[in-house]
Amino acid sequence: MITEIYFVRHAHSVFSLDEEETRGLSEKGWKDAKKVTEILLGENIDYIVSSPYTRAIQTVEGLARRLTKKIILDEDFRERDLASRSHHFDDPFGAMEYVFENPYFHYPGGESNKSVQRRGIEALKEIILAHKGKKIAIGIHGHIMTCTMNYFSDQYNLEFWKSTSKPDIYKLQIDENFNLLHCKRLWNEKTETGALEKS
């Protein structure tokens, strides 16, 4: 039995570390969220799950409204903390490269890539166990999405994370033994409707 998971990376939101959990979508983000809704309306989604962070919820709430479905919030799909909020990085991107190159390493107050992956995979397994054979959209964030997908294949790495957009949509087909059978990108930045094969 195949379960279809739609990882929906949130649309654009103006960065603010002090408002990490509560910052909402930008004007562009709201426009793109409408396109996300239109794409996913054609997929016959059965359940909608989301990180509790505002920008993730807002990206899938249009779909929930159109389908008259409740958004199930799951804390385990929240974005990773690279470090404690008081920790300062002179080179944030270099810090990100380092945790990808050293997946068991974590900065003070932060999570390693492996711990993020474990959190995401455990949450994903619970959802699939509860909704076998269904189509489930998950409002999520770039780092945890990449770390979770990396469980299935090393191709989902730092370069993959850099290639993703805000928003983005990846459709994963997962079998009853928790094997990834196929992954397809549904969001295309150029056409904003097309499907780009990732594997």
N, C-alpha and C. Protein backbone atom coordinates (compact mmCIF):
# COMPACT_ATOMS: atom_id res chain seq x y z
N MET A 1 0.84 -1.20 0.00
CA MET A 1 0.00 0.00 0.00
C MET A 1 0.88 1.25 0.00
N ILE A 2 0.62 2.16 -0.90
CA ILE A 2 1.42 3.37 -1.05
C ILE A 2 0.72 4.57 -0.40
N THR A 3 1.45 5.26 0.43
CA THR A 3 0.96 6.51 1.02
C THR A 3 1.69 7.65 0.33
N GLU A 4 0.96 8.69 -0.03
CA GLU A 4 1.55 9.84 -0.72
C GLU A 4 1.66 11.02 0.23
N ILE A 5 2.88 11.48 0.39
CA ILE A 5 3.18 12.61 1.27
C ILE A 5 3.55 13.81 0.41
N TYR A 6 2.96 14.95 0.70
CA TYR A 6 3.26 16.19 -0.01
C TYR A 6 3.94 17.15 0.98
N PHE A 7 5.26 17.24 0.91
CA PHE A 7 5.97 18.20 1.74
C PHE A 7 5.81 19.58 1.10
N VAL A 8 5.21 20.50 1.84
CA VAL A 8 4.95 21.85 1.35
C VAL A 8 5.83 22.82 2.14
N ARG A 9 6.96 23.19 1.54
CA ARG A 9 7.80 24.18 2.21
C ARG A 9 7.08 25.53 2.18
N HIS A 10 7.09 26.22 3.29
CA HIS A 10 6.31 27.46 3.42
C HIS A 10 6.73 28.51 2.40
N ALA A 11 5.81 29.38 2.08
CA ALA A 11 6.06 30.49 1.17
C ALA A 11 6.90 31.57 1.88
N HIS A 12 7.28 32.60 1.12
CA HIS A 12 8.21 33.61 1.62
C HIS A 12 7.67 34.34 2.84
N SER A 13 8.56 34.52 3.80
CA SER A 13 8.26 35.25 5.03
C SER A 13 9.49 36.08 5.37
N VAL A 14 9.29 37.32 5.77
CA VAL A 14 10.43 38.19 6.11
C VAL A 14 11.11 37.66 7.37
N PHE A 15 12.41 37.39 7.28
CA PHE A 15 13.13 36.75 8.38
C PHE A 15 13.17 37.63 9.63
N SER A 16 12.89 36.99 10.77
CA SER A 16 13.04 37.64 12.06
C SER A 16 13.23 36.54 13.09
N LEU A 17 14.45 36.40 13.60
CA LEU A 17 14.73 35.33 14.56
C LEU A 17 13.91 35.50 15.83
N ASP A 18 13.64 36.76 16.22
CA ASP A 18 12.85 37.01 17.42
C ASP A 18 11.39 36.58 17.25
N GLU A 19 10.94 36.45 16.00
CA GLU A 19 9.56 36.05 15.74
C GLU A 19 9.53 34.74 14.94
N GLU A 20 10.47 33.86 15.25
CA GLU A 20 10.63 32.62 14.49
C GLU A 20 9.34 31.80 14.43
N GLU A 21 8.62 31.72 15.53
CA GLU A 21 7.41 30.91 15.57
C GLU A 21 6.19 31.63 15.02
N THR A 22 6.19 32.96 15.05
CA THR A 22 4.96 33.71 14.78
C THR A 22 4.97 34.55 13.51
N ARG A 23 6.13 34.72 12.85
CA ARG A 23 6.14 35.59 11.67
C ARG A 23 5.33 34.97 10.54
N GLY A 24 4.56 35.83 9.89
CA GLY A 24 3.68 35.34 8.84
C GLY A 24 4.26 35.55 7.45
N LEU A 25 3.44 35.26 6.45
CA LEU A 25 3.88 35.37 5.07
C LEU A 25 3.98 36.84 4.63
N SER A 26 4.89 37.08 3.71
CA SER A 26 4.99 38.40 3.08
C SER A 26 3.90 38.52 2.01
N GLU A 27 3.82 39.68 1.37
CA GLU A 27 2.84 39.86 0.29
C GLU A 27 3.08 38.84 -0.83
N LYS A 28 4.35 38.65 -1.19
CA LYS A 28 4.68 37.65 -2.20
C LYS A 28 4.32 36.25 -1.71
N GLY A 29 4.58 36.00 -0.43
CA GLY A 29 4.27 34.70 0.15
C GLY A 29 2.80 34.36 0.05
N TRP A 30 1.93 35.34 0.31
CA TRP A 30 0.49 35.11 0.21
C TRP A 30 0.08 34.80 -1.22
N LYS A 31 0.67 35.51 -2.17
CA LYS A 31 0.34 35.26 -3.58
C LYS A 31 0.75 33.85 -3.99
N ASP A 32 1.94 33.45 -3.57
CA ASP A 32 2.41 32.11 -3.91
C ASP A 32 1.62 31.03 -3.18
N ALA A 33 1.16 31.33 -1.98
CA ALA A 33 0.35 30.35 -1.23
C ALA A 33 -0.94 30.03 -1.98
N LYS A 34 -1.48 31.01 -2.69
CA LYS A 34 -2.67 30.76 -3.49
C LYS A 34 -2.36 29.77 -4.62
N LYS A 35 -1.16 29.88 -5.19
CA LYS A 35 -0.75 28.96 -6.25
C LYS A 35 -0.54 27.55 -5.68
N VAL A 36 -0.01 27.49 -4.46
CA VAL A 36 0.14 26.20 -3.78
C VAL A 36 -1.22 25.53 -3.64
N THR A 37 -2.20 26.31 -3.23
CA THR A 37 -3.57 25.79 -3.08
C THR A 37 -4.08 25.21 -4.39
N GLU A 38 -3.90 25.96 -5.48
CA GLU A 38 -4.41 25.50 -6.77
C GLU A 38 -3.72 24.21 -7.22
N ILE A 39 -2.41 24.11 -7.00
CA ILE A 39 -1.68 22.89 -7.37
C ILE A 39 -2.20 21.70 -6.58
N LEU A 40 -2.36 21.87 -5.28
CA LEU A 40 -2.73 20.74 -4.43
C LEU A 40 -4.21 20.37 -4.53
N LEU A 41 -5.03 21.30 -4.99
CA LEU A 41 -6.45 20.96 -5.19
C LEU A 41 -6.60 19.84 -6.21
N GLY A 42 -5.65 19.74 -7.13
CA GLY A 42 -5.71 18.69 -8.14
C GLY A 42 -5.17 17.35 -7.67
N GLU A 43 -4.75 17.26 -6.41
CA GLU A 43 -4.12 16.04 -5.90
C GLU A 43 -5.04 15.21 -4.99
N ASN A 44 -6.25 15.68 -4.75
CA ASN A 44 -7.21 14.93 -3.90
C ASN A 44 -6.64 14.61 -2.52
N ILE A 45 -6.16 15.64 -1.85
CA ILE A 45 -5.56 15.50 -0.52
C ILE A 45 -6.59 15.03 0.50
N ASP A 46 -6.19 14.06 1.33
CA ASP A 46 -7.08 13.53 2.37
C ASP A 46 -6.88 14.21 3.72
N TYR A 47 -5.63 14.52 4.07
CA TYR A 47 -5.33 15.12 5.36
C TYR A 47 -4.31 16.24 5.18
N ILE A 48 -4.41 17.24 6.06
CA ILE A 48 -3.47 18.35 6.04
C ILE A 48 -2.84 18.48 7.42
N VAL A 49 -1.52 18.42 7.46
CA VAL A 49 -0.75 18.51 8.70
C VAL A 49 0.17 19.72 8.55
N SER A 50 0.57 20.32 9.66
CA SER A 50 1.49 21.46 9.55
C SER A 50 2.34 21.61 10.80
N SER A 51 3.52 22.13 10.58
CA SER A 51 4.31 22.71 11.67
C SER A 51 3.43 23.76 12.35
N PRO A 52 3.61 23.99 13.65
CA PRO A 52 2.81 25.01 14.33
C PRO A 52 3.25 26.44 14.05
N TYR A 53 4.34 26.62 13.30
CA TYR A 53 4.82 27.97 13.01
C TYR A 53 3.87 28.65 12.02
N THR A 54 3.61 29.94 12.26
CA THR A 54 2.59 30.67 11.51
C THR A 54 2.77 30.59 10.00
N ARG A 55 3.99 30.77 9.52
CA ARG A 55 4.21 30.82 8.08
C ARG A 55 3.90 29.48 7.40
N ALA A 56 4.12 28.38 8.10
CA ALA A 56 3.79 27.07 7.55
C ALA A 56 2.28 26.87 7.51
N ILE A 57 1.61 27.26 8.57
CA ILE A 57 0.14 27.14 8.62
C ILE A 57 -0.49 27.98 7.52
N GLN A 58 -0.03 29.22 7.37
CA GLN A 58 -0.62 30.11 6.38
C GLN A 58 -0.44 29.59 4.97
N THR A 59 0.62 28.85 4.71
CA THR A 59 0.87 28.33 3.37
C THR A 59 -0.13 27.25 2.98
N VAL A 60 -0.65 26.50 3.95
CA VAL A 60 -1.60 25.42 3.64
C VAL A 60 -3.03 25.74 4.06
N GLU A 61 -3.27 26.89 4.68
CA GLU A 61 -4.61 27.16 5.18
C GLU A 61 -5.61 27.41 4.05
N GLY A 62 -5.14 27.93 2.91
CA GLY A 62 -6.04 28.11 1.78
C GLY A 62 -6.55 26.77 1.27
N LEU A 63 -5.67 25.79 1.22
CA LEU A 63 -6.06 24.44 0.82
C LEU A 63 -7.06 23.86 1.81
N ALA A 64 -6.78 24.02 3.09
CA ALA A 64 -7.69 23.50 4.12
C ALA A 64 -9.07 24.14 4.00
N ARG A 65 -9.10 25.43 3.74
CA ARG A 65 -10.38 26.13 3.61
C ARG A 65 -11.16 25.63 2.39
N ARG A 66 -10.47 25.46 1.27
CA ARG A 66 -11.15 25.01 0.05
C ARG A 66 -11.66 23.57 0.19
N LEU A 67 -10.92 22.76 0.93
CA LEU A 67 -11.32 21.35 1.11
C LEU A 67 -12.17 21.14 2.35
N THR A 68 -12.40 22.22 3.09
CA THR A 68 -13.12 22.16 4.39
C THR A 68 -12.53 21.08 5.29
N LYS A 69 -11.21 21.12 5.43
CA LYS A 69 -10.51 20.17 6.29
C LYS A 69 -9.77 20.93 7.38
N LYS A 70 -9.63 20.29 8.52
CA LYS A 70 -8.90 20.86 9.65
C LYS A 70 -7.40 20.64 9.44
N ILE A 71 -6.60 21.62 9.83
CA ILE A 71 -5.14 21.47 9.81
C ILE A 71 -4.71 20.84 11.13
N ILE A 72 -4.05 19.69 11.03
CA ILE A 72 -3.53 19.00 12.21
C ILE A 72 -2.13 19.54 12.50
N LEU A 73 -1.93 20.15 13.65
CA LEU A 73 -0.63 20.72 13.99
C LEU A 73 0.26 19.65 14.62
N ASP A 74 1.51 19.60 14.17
CA ASP A 74 2.46 18.63 14.70
C ASP A 74 3.76 19.35 15.02
N GLU A 75 4.06 19.47 16.29
CA GLU A 75 5.24 20.18 16.77
C GLU A 75 6.53 19.61 16.20
N ASP A 76 6.53 18.32 15.88
CA ASP A 76 7.75 17.69 15.39
C ASP A 76 8.14 18.12 13.98
N PHE A 77 7.26 18.82 13.28
CA PHE A 77 7.61 19.35 11.96
C PHE A 77 8.05 20.81 12.01
N ARG A 78 8.30 21.32 13.22
CA ARG A 78 8.82 22.69 13.36
C ARG A 78 10.21 22.76 12.74
N GLU A 79 10.66 23.99 12.45
CA GLU A 79 11.99 24.16 11.89
C GLU A 79 13.06 23.90 12.94
N ARG A 80 14.22 23.49 12.48
CA ARG A 80 15.33 23.21 13.39
C ARG A 80 15.90 24.50 13.96
N ASP A 81 16.38 24.42 15.18
CA ASP A 81 17.16 25.51 15.76
C ASP A 81 18.62 25.20 15.50
N LEU A 82 19.28 26.05 14.71
CA LEU A 82 20.69 25.83 14.43
C LEU A 82 21.52 26.02 15.70
N ALA A 83 21.07 26.94 16.57
CA ALA A 83 21.73 27.19 17.86
C ALA A 83 20.72 27.91 18.74
N SER A 84 21.11 28.19 19.97
CA SER A 84 20.24 28.98 20.84
C SER A 84 20.04 30.36 20.23
N ARG A 85 18.95 31.01 20.58
CA ARG A 85 18.62 32.31 19.99
C ARG A 85 19.66 33.38 20.34
N SER A 86 20.39 33.17 21.42
CA SER A 86 21.39 34.16 21.82
C SER A 86 22.75 33.94 21.13
N HIS A 87 22.88 32.83 20.41
CA HIS A 87 24.16 32.52 19.76
C HIS A 87 24.30 33.32 18.47
N HIS A 88 25.46 33.94 18.28
CA HIS A 88 25.69 34.77 17.09
C HIS A 88 26.63 34.05 16.13
N PHE A 89 26.26 34.03 14.84
CA PHE A 89 27.12 33.46 13.80
C PHE A 89 27.67 34.58 12.93
N ASP A 90 28.99 34.66 12.80
CA ASP A 90 29.59 35.62 11.88
C ASP A 90 29.34 35.19 10.43
N ASP A 91 29.24 33.88 10.23
CA ASP A 91 29.04 33.32 8.90
C ASP A 91 27.93 32.26 8.97
N PRO A 92 26.67 32.68 8.96
CA PRO A 92 25.56 31.73 9.11
C PRO A 92 25.56 30.63 8.05
N PHE A 93 25.88 30.98 6.80
CA PHE A 93 25.86 29.96 5.77
C PHE A 93 27.00 28.96 5.97
N GLY A 94 28.15 29.45 6.40
CA GLY A 94 29.25 28.54 6.71
C GLY A 94 28.88 27.59 7.85
N ALA A 95 28.14 28.11 8.82
CA ALA A 95 27.67 27.27 9.92
C ALA A 95 26.73 26.19 9.42
N MET A 96 25.88 26.55 8.46
CA MET A 96 24.96 25.59 7.88
C MET A 96 25.73 24.51 7.11
N GLU A 97 26.73 24.93 6.34
CA GLU A 97 27.55 23.95 5.62
C GLU A 97 28.19 22.97 6.58
N TYR A 98 28.65 23.47 7.72
CA TYR A 98 29.36 22.62 8.67
C TYR A 98 28.45 21.54 9.24
N VAL A 99 27.21 21.88 9.58
CA VAL A 99 26.33 20.85 10.16
C VAL A 99 25.92 19.81 9.11
N PHE A 100 25.88 20.21 7.85
CA PHE A 100 25.59 19.21 6.81
C PHE A 100 26.79 18.29 6.59
N GLU A 101 27.98 18.85 6.69
CA GLU A 101 29.19 18.04 6.52
C GLU A 101 29.46 17.16 7.75
N ASN A 102 28.94 17.57 8.90
CA ASN A 102 29.14 16.85 10.17
C ASN A 102 27.77 16.64 10.82
N PRO A 103 27.01 15.65 10.33
CA PRO A 103 25.60 15.51 10.70
C PRO A 103 25.32 15.22 12.17
N TYR A 104 26.32 14.79 12.95
CA TYR A 104 26.09 14.53 14.37
C TYR A 104 26.50 15.73 15.24
N PHE A 105 27.04 16.76 14.61
CA PHE A 105 27.49 17.94 15.35
C PHE A 105 26.32 18.90 15.58
N HIS A 106 26.31 19.54 16.75
CA HIS A 106 25.33 20.61 16.97
C HIS A 106 25.98 21.76 17.71
N TYR A 107 25.56 22.97 17.38
CA TYR A 107 26.01 24.16 18.07
C TYR A 107 25.29 24.28 19.41
N PRO A 108 25.80 25.10 20.33
CA PRO A 108 25.16 25.23 21.65
C PRO A 108 23.68 25.60 21.54
N GLY A 109 22.85 24.78 22.15
CA GLY A 109 21.41 25.03 22.13
C GLY A 109 20.72 24.65 20.85
N GLY A 110 21.47 24.08 19.90
CA GLY A 110 20.89 23.71 18.61
C GLY A 110 20.75 22.21 18.43
N GLU A 111 20.26 21.82 17.26
CA GLU A 111 20.07 20.42 16.93
C GLU A 111 21.03 20.02 15.82
N SER A 112 21.51 18.80 15.88
CA SER A 112 22.31 18.27 14.78
C SER A 112 21.38 17.85 13.64
N ASN A 113 21.94 17.66 12.46
CA ASN A 113 21.13 17.18 11.34
C ASN A 113 20.51 15.82 11.65
N LYS A 114 21.27 14.96 12.33
CA LYS A 114 20.75 13.63 12.65
C LYS A 114 19.59 13.69 13.63
N SER A 115 19.66 14.59 14.61
CA SER A 115 18.56 14.70 15.56
C SER A 115 17.33 15.30 14.89
N VAL A 116 17.53 16.24 13.98
CA VAL A 116 16.41 16.80 13.22
C VAL A 116 15.78 15.71 12.36
N GLN A 117 16.64 14.92 11.71
CA GLN A 117 16.15 13.83 10.87
C GLN A 117 15.34 12.83 11.69
N ARG A 118 15.84 12.46 12.85
CA ARG A 118 15.14 11.50 13.70
C ARG A 118 13.75 12.03 14.09
N ARG A 119 13.70 13.30 14.44
CA ARG A 119 12.41 13.92 14.80
C ARG A 119 11.43 13.90 13.62
N GLY A 120 11.93 14.27 12.45
CA GLY A 120 11.06 14.30 11.27
C GLY A 120 10.60 12.92 10.84
N ILE A 121 11.51 11.95 10.87
CA ILE A 121 11.16 10.59 10.44
C ILE A 121 10.16 9.95 11.41
N GLU A 122 10.36 10.14 12.70
CA GLU A 122 9.42 9.58 13.67
C GLU A 122 8.02 10.16 13.47
N ALA A 123 7.95 11.46 13.22
CA ALA A 123 6.65 12.09 12.98
C ALA A 123 6.03 11.58 11.69
N LEU A 124 6.86 11.41 10.66
CA LEU A 124 6.36 10.93 9.38
C LEU A 124 5.84 9.50 9.49
N LYS A 125 6.56 8.65 10.22
CA LYS A 125 6.12 7.27 10.41
C LYS A 125 4.78 7.21 11.14
N GLU A 126 4.60 8.06 12.13
CA GLU A 126 3.34 8.09 12.88
C GLU A 126 2.17 8.47 11.97
N ILE A 127 2.40 9.46 11.12
CA ILE A 127 1.35 9.90 10.21
C ILE A 127 0.99 8.80 9.22
N ILE A 128 2.00 8.15 8.65
CA ILE A 128 1.74 7.09 7.68
C ILE A 128 1.05 5.91 8.33
N LEU A 129 1.45 5.58 9.56
CA LEU A 129 0.80 4.47 10.27
C LEU A 129 -0.68 4.77 10.51
N ALA A 130 -0.98 6.03 10.81
CA ALA A 130 -2.37 6.41 11.09
C ALA A 130 -3.20 6.58 9.83
N HIS A 131 -2.56 6.85 8.68
CA HIS A 131 -3.31 7.16 7.46
C HIS A 131 -2.73 6.41 6.25
N LYS A 132 -2.58 5.10 6.39
CA LYS A 132 -2.02 4.29 5.31
C LYS A 132 -2.84 4.43 4.03
N GLY A 133 -2.12 4.60 2.91
CA GLY A 133 -2.78 4.65 1.62
C GLY A 133 -3.44 5.97 1.29
N LYS A 134 -3.28 6.97 2.15
CA LYS A 134 -3.92 8.26 1.95
C LYS A 134 -2.94 9.27 1.35
N LYS A 135 -3.47 10.46 1.04
CA LYS A 135 -2.67 11.56 0.51
C LYS A 135 -2.64 12.65 1.58
N ILE A 136 -1.42 12.98 2.03
CA ILE A 136 -1.26 13.86 3.18
C ILE A 136 -0.34 15.03 2.83
N ALA A 137 -0.84 16.23 2.95
CA ALA A 137 -0.04 17.44 2.75
C ALA A 137 0.53 17.88 4.09
N ILE A 138 1.82 18.21 4.12
CA ILE A 138 2.47 18.61 5.36
C ILE A 138 3.14 19.97 5.16
N GLY A 139 2.67 20.98 5.87
CA GLY A 139 3.31 22.29 5.86
C GLY A 139 4.59 22.22 6.69
N ILE A 140 5.72 22.51 6.06
CA ILE A 140 7.01 22.22 6.69
C ILE A 140 8.03 23.31 6.33
N HIS A 141 9.25 23.14 6.82
CA HIS A 141 10.33 24.11 6.63
C HIS A 141 11.49 23.46 5.90
N GLY A 142 12.37 24.28 5.34
CA GLY A 142 13.42 23.79 4.46
C GLY A 142 14.42 22.85 5.10
N HIS A 143 14.91 23.19 6.31
CA HIS A 143 15.95 22.37 6.92
C HIS A 143 15.41 21.01 7.33
N ILE A 144 14.28 21.00 8.04
CA ILE A 144 13.75 19.71 8.49
C ILE A 144 13.26 18.88 7.31
N MET A 145 12.72 19.53 6.29
CA MET A 145 12.31 18.78 5.10
C MET A 145 13.51 18.08 4.47
N THR A 146 14.62 18.80 4.31
CA THR A 146 15.81 18.23 3.70
C THR A 146 16.39 17.11 4.56
N CYS A 147 16.50 17.33 5.86
CA CYS A 147 17.05 16.30 6.75
C CYS A 147 16.18 15.05 6.76
N THR A 148 14.87 15.24 6.72
CA THR A 148 13.95 14.11 6.71
C THR A 148 14.07 13.33 5.42
N MET A 149 14.10 14.02 4.29
CA MET A 149 14.23 13.35 3.00
C MET A 149 15.59 12.68 2.84
N ASN A 150 16.61 13.21 3.52
CA ASN A 150 17.95 12.62 3.47
C ASN A 150 17.97 11.21 4.05
N TYR A 151 17.01 10.89 4.91
CA TYR A 151 16.89 9.53 5.45
C TYR A 151 16.75 8.52 4.31
N PHE A 152 16.06 8.92 3.25
CA PHE A 152 15.80 8.01 2.14
C PHE A 152 16.92 7.99 1.10
N SER A 153 17.62 9.12 0.95
CA SER A 153 18.67 9.20 -0.08
C SER A 153 19.62 10.34 0.22
N ASP A 154 20.91 10.09 -0.03
CA ASP A 154 21.93 11.12 0.17
C ASP A 154 21.82 12.27 -0.81
N GLN A 155 21.01 12.11 -1.87
CA GLN A 155 20.86 13.21 -2.83
C GLN A 155 20.15 14.40 -2.21
N TYR A 156 19.44 14.17 -1.09
CA TYR A 156 18.77 15.28 -0.40
C TYR A 156 19.75 15.82 0.64
N ASN A 157 20.60 16.71 0.17
CA ASN A 157 21.73 17.20 0.95
C ASN A 157 21.76 18.72 0.94
N LEU A 158 22.90 19.31 1.25
CA LEU A 158 23.02 20.77 1.28
C LEU A 158 22.69 21.38 -0.07
N GLU A 159 23.18 20.77 -1.15
CA GLU A 159 22.91 21.30 -2.48
C GLU A 159 21.42 21.23 -2.80
N PHE A 160 20.78 20.16 -2.38
CA PHE A 160 19.33 20.07 -2.57
C PHE A 160 18.63 21.19 -1.81
N TRP A 161 19.01 21.39 -0.54
CA TRP A 161 18.40 22.45 0.27
C TRP A 161 18.56 23.81 -0.41
N LYS A 162 19.77 24.08 -0.95
CA LYS A 162 20.01 25.35 -1.63
C LYS A 162 19.16 25.49 -2.89
N SER A 163 18.78 24.37 -3.49
CA SER A 163 18.01 24.41 -4.74
C SER A 163 16.51 24.60 -4.51
N THR A 164 16.08 24.43 -3.27
CA THR A 164 14.64 24.54 -3.01
C THR A 164 14.23 26.01 -2.93
N SER A 165 12.93 26.23 -3.08
CA SER A 165 12.39 27.59 -3.09
C SER A 165 11.36 27.75 -1.98
N LYS A 166 10.90 28.98 -1.82
CA LYS A 166 9.82 29.29 -0.87
C LYS A 166 8.67 29.93 -1.64
N PRO A 167 7.59 29.19 -1.87
CA PRO A 167 7.29 27.84 -1.40
C PRO A 167 7.91 26.78 -2.29
N ASP A 168 7.71 25.54 -1.90
CA ASP A 168 8.11 24.40 -2.71
C ASP A 168 7.20 23.23 -2.35
N ILE A 169 7.07 22.28 -3.26
CA ILE A 169 6.21 21.12 -3.01
C ILE A 169 6.90 19.87 -3.55
N TYR A 170 7.04 18.86 -2.71
CA TYR A 170 7.60 17.59 -3.11
C TYR A 170 6.62 16.47 -2.78
N LYS A 171 6.29 15.69 -3.78
CA LYS A 171 5.37 14.57 -3.62
C LYS A 171 6.18 13.28 -3.47
N LEU A 172 6.04 12.63 -2.31
CA LEU A 172 6.77 11.41 -2.02
C LEU A 172 5.79 10.22 -1.98
N GLN A 173 6.15 9.16 -2.66
CA GLN A 173 5.38 7.92 -2.59
C GLN A 173 6.16 6.95 -1.72
N ILE A 174 5.55 6.52 -0.61
CA ILE A 174 6.22 5.68 0.38
C ILE A 174 5.41 4.40 0.57
N ASP A 175 6.09 3.26 0.51
CA ASP A 175 5.36 1.99 0.62
C ASP A 175 5.20 1.55 2.07
N GLU A 176 4.57 0.38 2.27
CA GLU A 176 4.25 -0.09 3.61
C GLU A 176 5.49 -0.45 4.43
N ASN A 177 6.63 -0.63 3.76
CA ASN A 177 7.88 -0.91 4.46
C ASN A 177 8.73 0.35 4.67
N PHE A 178 8.13 1.49 4.44
CA PHE A 178 8.75 2.80 4.61
C PHE A 178 9.93 2.99 3.66
N ASN A 179 9.75 2.54 2.44
CA ASN A 179 10.70 2.80 1.37
C ASN A 179 10.17 3.91 0.49
N LEU A 180 11.04 4.83 0.10
CA LEU A 180 10.66 5.89 -0.83
C LEU A 180 10.71 5.33 -2.24
N LEU A 181 9.55 5.26 -2.89
CA LEU A 181 9.48 4.72 -4.24
C LEU A 181 9.73 5.77 -5.30
N HIS A 182 9.28 6.99 -5.02
CA HIS A 182 9.37 8.04 -6.04
C HIS A 182 9.23 9.40 -5.37
N CYS A 183 9.91 10.38 -5.90
CA CYS A 183 9.80 11.75 -5.41
C CYS A 183 9.71 12.69 -6.61
N LYS A 184 8.74 13.55 -6.59
CA LYS A 184 8.51 14.46 -7.71
C LYS A 184 8.27 15.87 -7.19
N ARG A 185 8.92 16.82 -7.81
CA ARG A 185 8.69 18.22 -7.44
C ARG A 185 7.47 18.74 -8.20
N LEU A 186 6.51 19.30 -7.47
CA LEU A 186 5.30 19.83 -8.10
C LEU A 186 5.35 21.33 -8.30
N TRP A 187 6.25 22.00 -7.61
CA TRP A 187 6.37 23.45 -7.74
C TRP A 187 7.47 23.77 -8.74
N ASN A 188 7.16 24.62 -9.71
CA ASN A 188 8.14 25.03 -10.70
C ASN A 188 8.19 26.55 -10.68
N GLU A 189 9.34 27.10 -10.32
CA GLU A 189 9.45 28.55 -10.16
C GLU A 189 9.23 29.31 -11.47
N LYS A 190 9.52 28.67 -12.59
CA LYS A 190 9.39 29.37 -13.87
C LYS A 190 7.93 29.42 -14.32
N THR A 191 7.26 28.28 -14.25
CA THR A 191 5.87 28.25 -14.72
C THR A 191 4.89 28.40 -13.57
N GLU A 192 5.38 28.12 -12.35
CA GLU A 192 4.59 28.17 -11.12
C GLU A 192 3.44 27.17 -11.14
N THR A 193 3.49 26.21 -12.05
CA THR A 193 2.46 25.18 -12.06
C THR A 193 3.02 23.82 -12.44
N GLY A 194 4.20 23.78 -13.08
CA GLY A 194 4.69 22.53 -13.65
C GLY A 194 5.19 21.52 -12.65
N ALA A 195 5.71 20.41 -13.15
CA ALA A 195 6.25 19.36 -12.30
C ALA A 195 7.65 19.02 -12.78
N LEU A 196 8.61 19.12 -11.88
CA LEU A 196 10.01 18.87 -12.20
C LEU A 196 10.45 17.60 -11.49
N GLU A 197 10.91 16.62 -12.23
CA GLU A 197 11.34 15.36 -11.62
C GLU A 197 12.62 15.59 -10.81
N LYS A 198 12.64 15.03 -9.60
CA LYS A 198 13.85 15.07 -8.76
C LYS A 198 14.51 13.70 -8.71
N SER A 199 13.76 12.64 -8.88
CA SER A 199 14.35 11.30 -8.90
C SER A 199 13.37 10.34 -9.52
